[in-house]
Amino acid sequence: MAKEADITKVDAEFICKALHRRGLLKSYVLEESVQAIDFATYLTDF
């Protein structure tokens, strides 16, 4: 069902906030936020 859904960035943010508020996500990073980095940068910094 999620594969076929047309989810916007606003929808994704709403879903993440709701899951975080309910304690189902510890944290999340939205694609265009300051915290968003690519995997290679993550590995380099790790």
PDB file of N, CA and C in Angstrom:
ATOM      1  N   MET A   1       0.827  -1.183   0.000  1.00  0.00           N
ATOM      2  CA  MET A   1       0.000   0.000   0.000  1.00  0.00           C
ATOM      3  C   MET A   1       0.876   1.254   0.000  1.00  0.00           C
ATOM      4  N   ALA A   2       1.949   1.270   0.787  1.00  0.00           N
ATOM      5  CA  ALA A   2       2.825   2.435   0.839  1.00  0.00           C
ATOM      6  C   ALA A   2       3.568   2.639  -0.469  1.00  0.00           C
ATOM      7  N   LYS A   3       3.860   1.557  -1.190  1.00  0.00           N
ATOM      8  CA  LYS A   3       4.571   1.666  -2.460  1.00  0.00           C
ATOM      9  C   LYS A   3       3.747   2.392  -3.506  1.00  0.00           C
ATOM     10  N   GLU A   4       2.449   2.239  -3.441  1.00  0.00           N
ATOM     11  CA  GLU A   4       1.569   2.830  -4.444  1.00  0.00           C
ATOM     12  C   GLU A   4       1.013   4.190  -4.031  1.00  0.00           C
ATOM     13  N   ALA A   5       1.178   4.572  -2.788  1.00  0.00           N
ATOM     14  CA  ALA A   5       0.618   5.832  -2.293  1.00  0.00           C
ATOM     15  C   ALA A   5       1.404   7.019  -2.837  1.00  0.00           C
ATOM     16  N   ASP A   6       0.707   8.073  -3.139  1.00  0.00           N
ATOM     17  CA  ASP A   6       1.329   9.313  -3.595  1.00  0.00           C
ATOM     18  C   ASP A   6       1.530  10.203  -2.371  1.00  0.00           C
ATOM     19  N   ILE A   7       2.692  10.073  -1.732  1.00  0.00           N
ATOM     20  CA  ILE A   7       2.978  10.791  -0.482  1.00  0.00           C
ATOM     21  C   ILE A   7       3.886  11.975  -0.791  1.00  0.00           C
ATOM     22  N   THR A   8       3.476  13.147  -0.347  1.00  0.00           N
ATOM     23  CA  THR A   8       4.276  14.358  -0.550  1.00  0.00           C
ATOM     24  C   THR A   8       5.240  14.524   0.616  1.00  0.00           C
ATOM     25  N   LYS A   9       6.144  15.482   0.495  1.00  0.00           N
ATOM     26  CA  LYS A   9       7.085  15.781   1.577  1.00  0.00           C
ATOM     27  C   LYS A   9       6.335  16.265   2.815  1.00  0.00           C
ATOM     28  N   VAL A  10       5.278  17.020   2.603  1.00  0.00           N
ATOM     29  CA  VAL A  10       4.462  17.498   3.727  1.00  0.00           C
ATOM     30  C   VAL A  10       3.806  16.314   4.431  1.00  0.00           C
ATOM     31  N   ASP A  11       3.299  15.361   3.655  1.00  0.00           N
ATOM     32  CA  ASP A  11       2.701  14.155   4.233  1.00  0.00           C
ATOM     33  C   ASP A  11       3.730  13.375   5.044  1.00  0.00           C
ATOM     34  N   ALA A  12       4.929  13.214   4.480  1.00  0.00           N
ATOM     35  CA  ALA A  12       5.986  12.459   5.156  1.00  0.00           C
ATOM     36  C   ALA A  12       6.361  13.110   6.483  1.00  0.00           C
ATOM     37  N   GLU A  13       6.460  14.428   6.490  1.00  0.00           N
ATOM     38  CA  GLU A  13       6.798  15.141   7.723  1.00  0.00           C
ATOM     39  C   GLU A  13       5.691  14.948   8.760  1.00  0.00           C
ATOM     40  N   PHE A  14       4.449  15.026   8.343  1.00  0.00           N
ATOM     41  CA  PHE A  14       3.319  14.827   9.244  1.00  0.00           C
ATOM     42  C   PHE A  14       3.353  13.418   9.852  1.00  0.00           C
ATOM     43  N   ILE A  15       3.609  12.429   9.005  1.00  0.00           N
ATOM     44  CA  ILE A  15       3.661  11.044   9.467  1.00  0.00           C
ATOM     45  C   ILE A  15       4.802  10.853  10.463  1.00  0.00           C
ATOM     46  N   CYS A  16       5.969  11.374  10.142  1.00  0.00           N
ATOM     47  CA  CYS A  16       7.124  11.236  11.041  1.00  0.00           C
ATOM     48  C   CYS A  16       6.870  11.915  12.383  1.00  0.00           C
ATOM     49  N   LYS A  17       6.292  13.100  12.355  1.00  0.00           N
ATOM     50  CA  LYS A  17       5.985  13.800  13.608  1.00  0.00           C
ATOM     51  C   LYS A  17       4.991  13.014  14.449  1.00  0.00           C
ATOM     52  N   ALA A  18       3.982  12.428  13.804  1.00  0.00           N
ATOM     53  CA  ALA A  18       2.985  11.641  14.529  1.00  0.00           C
ATOM     54  C   ALA A  18       3.611  10.391  15.131  1.00  0.00           C
ATOM     55  N   LEU A  19       4.451   9.704  14.381  1.00  0.00           N
ATOM     56  CA  LEU A  19       5.115   8.504  14.893  1.00  0.00           C
ATOM     57  C   LEU A  19       6.084   8.847  16.023  1.00  0.00           C
ATOM     58  N   HIS A  20       6.772   9.970  15.904  1.00  0.00           N
ATOM     59  CA  HIS A  20       7.697  10.423  16.959  1.00  0.00           C
ATOM     60  C   HIS A  20       6.927  10.754  18.235  1.00  0.00           C
ATOM     61  N   ARG A  21       5.834  11.459  18.082  1.00  0.00           N
ATOM     62  CA  ARG A  21       5.006  11.847  19.226  1.00  0.00           C
ATOM     63  C   ARG A  21       4.462  10.612  19.958  1.00  0.00           C
ATOM     64  N   ARG A  22       4.176   9.550  19.216  1.00  0.00           N
ATOM     65  CA  ARG A  22       3.647   8.323  19.812  1.00  0.00           C
ATOM     66  C   ARG A  22       4.747   7.394  20.324  1.00  0.00           C
ATOM     67  N   GLY A  23       5.993   7.809  20.169  1.00  0.00           N
ATOM     68  CA  GLY A  23       7.103   7.016  20.666  1.00  0.00           C
ATOM     69  C   GLY A  23       7.522   5.876  19.751  1.00  0.00           C
ATOM     70  N   LEU A  24       7.089   5.901  18.505  1.00  0.00           N
ATOM     71  CA  LEU A  24       7.436   4.838  17.565  1.00  0.00           C
ATOM     72  C   LEU A  24       8.693   5.158  16.757  1.00  0.00           C
ATOM     73  N   LEU A  25       9.092   6.421  16.736  1.00  0.00           N
ATOM     74  CA  LEU A  25      10.360   6.843  16.146  1.00  0.00           C
ATOM     75  C   LEU A  25      11.151   7.565  17.219  1.00  0.00           C
ATOM     76  N   LYS A  26      12.418   7.242  17.315  1.00  0.00           N
ATOM     77  CA  LYS A  26      13.271   7.950  18.267  1.00  0.00           C
ATOM     78  C   LYS A  26      13.699   9.289  17.675  1.00  0.00           C
ATOM     79  N   SER A  27      14.043   9.262  16.397  1.00  0.00           N
ATOM     80  CA  SER A  27      14.412  10.488  15.691  1.00  0.00           C
ATOM     81  C   SER A  27      14.216  10.265  14.200  1.00  0.00           C
ATOM     82  N   TYR A  28      14.271  11.324  13.448  1.00  0.00           N
ATOM     83  CA  TYR A  28      14.164  11.247  11.993  1.00  0.00           C
ATOM     84  C   TYR A  28      14.806  12.482  11.396  1.00  0.00           C
ATOM     85  N   VAL A  29      15.229  12.367  10.157  1.00  0.00           N
ATOM     86  CA  VAL A  29      15.846  13.484   9.440  1.00  0.00           C
ATOM     87  C   VAL A  29      15.130  13.636   8.114  1.00  0.00           C
ATOM     88  N   LEU A  30      14.617  14.810   7.866  1.00  0.00           N
ATOM     89  CA  LEU A  30      13.962  15.091   6.594  1.00  0.00           C
ATOM     90  C   LEU A  30      15.018  15.433   5.548  1.00  0.00           C
ATOM     91  N   GLU A  31      14.741  15.076   4.326  1.00  0.00           N
ATOM     92  CA  GLU A  31      15.714  15.157   3.245  1.00  0.00           C
ATOM     93  C   GLU A  31      16.360  16.536   3.088  1.00  0.00           C
ATOM     94  N   GLU A  32      15.625  17.587   3.185  1.00  0.00           N
ATOM     95  CA  GLU A  32      16.178  18.921   2.924  1.00  0.00           C
ATOM     96  C   GLU A  32      16.555  19.679   4.196  1.00  0.00           C
ATOM     97  N   SER A  33      16.633  18.984   5.324  1.00  0.00           N
ATOM     98  CA  SER A  33      16.980  19.663   6.568  1.00  0.00           C
ATOM     99  C   SER A  33      18.499  19.799   6.703  1.00  0.00           C
ATOM    100  N   VAL A  34      18.922  20.582   7.661  1.00  0.00           N
ATOM    101  CA  VAL A  34      20.353  20.801   7.908  1.00  0.00           C
ATOM    102  C   VAL A  34      21.033  19.497   8.321  1.00  0.00           C
ATOM    103  N   GLN A  35      20.316  18.625   9.012  1.00  0.00           N
ATOM    104  CA  GLN A  35      20.887  17.371   9.499  1.00  0.00           C
ATOM    105  C   GLN A  35      21.065  16.327   8.397  1.00  0.00           C
ATOM    106  N   ALA A  36      20.440  16.517   7.257  1.00  0.00           N
ATOM    107  CA  ALA A  36      20.484  15.526   6.184  1.00  0.00           C
ATOM    108  C   ALA A  36      21.867  15.498   5.528  1.00  0.00           C
ATOM    109  N   ILE A  37      22.483  14.321   5.537  1.00  0.00           N
ATOM    110  CA  ILE A  37      23.768  14.130   4.865  1.00  0.00           C
ATOM    111  C   ILE A  37      23.684  12.841   4.061  1.00  0.00           C
ATOM    112  N   ASP A  38      24.541  12.699   3.061  1.00  0.00           N
ATOM    113  CA  ASP A  38      24.536  11.463   2.285  1.00  0.00           C
ATOM    114  C   ASP A  38      25.305  10.373   3.035  1.00  0.00           C
ATOM    115  N   PHE A  39      25.174   9.152   2.567  1.00  0.00           N
ATOM    116  CA  PHE A  39      25.742   8.005   3.263  1.00  0.00           C
ATOM    117  C   PHE A  39      27.268   8.070   3.325  1.00  0.00           C
ATOM    118  N   ALA A  40      27.910   8.518   2.248  1.00  0.00           N
ATOM    119  CA  ALA A  40      29.373   8.605   2.221  1.00  0.00           C
ATOM    120  C   ALA A  40      29.869   9.598   3.279  1.00  0.00           C
ATOM    121  N   THR A  41      29.203  10.720   3.412  1.00  0.00           N
ATOM    122  CA  THR A  41      29.576  11.706   4.433  1.00  0.00           C
ATOM    123  C   THR A  41      29.377  11.133   5.821  1.00  0.00           C
ATOM    124  N   TYR A  42      28.277  10.404   6.014  1.00  0.00           N
ATOM    125  CA  TYR A  42      28.024   9.757   7.304  1.00  0.00           C
ATOM    126  C   TYR A  42      29.171   8.807   7.659  1.00  0.00           C
ATOM    127  N   LEU A  43      29.567   7.982   6.697  1.00  0.00           N
ATOM    128  CA  LEU A  43      30.647   7.030   6.956  1.00  0.00           C
ATOM    129  C   LEU A  43      31.965   7.729   7.254  1.00  0.00           C
ATOM    130  N   THR A  44      32.247   8.800   6.533  1.00  0.00           N
ATOM    131  CA  THR A  44      33.468   9.557   6.767  1.00  0.00           C
ATOM    132  C   THR A  44      33.485  10.152   8.178  1.00  0.00           C
ATOM    133  N   ASP A  45      32.370  10.713   8.586  1.00  0.00           N
ATOM    134  CA  ASP A  45      32.274  11.327   9.917  1.00  0.00           C
ATOM    135  C   ASP A  45      32.221  10.301  11.038  1.00  0.00           C
ATOM    136  N   PHE A  46      31.749   9.103  10.727  1.00  0.00           N
ATOM    137  CA  PHE A  46      31.616   8.062  11.737  1.00  0.00           C
ATOM    138  C   PHE A  46      32.972   7.635  12.229  1.00  0.00           C
TER     139      PHE A  46
END
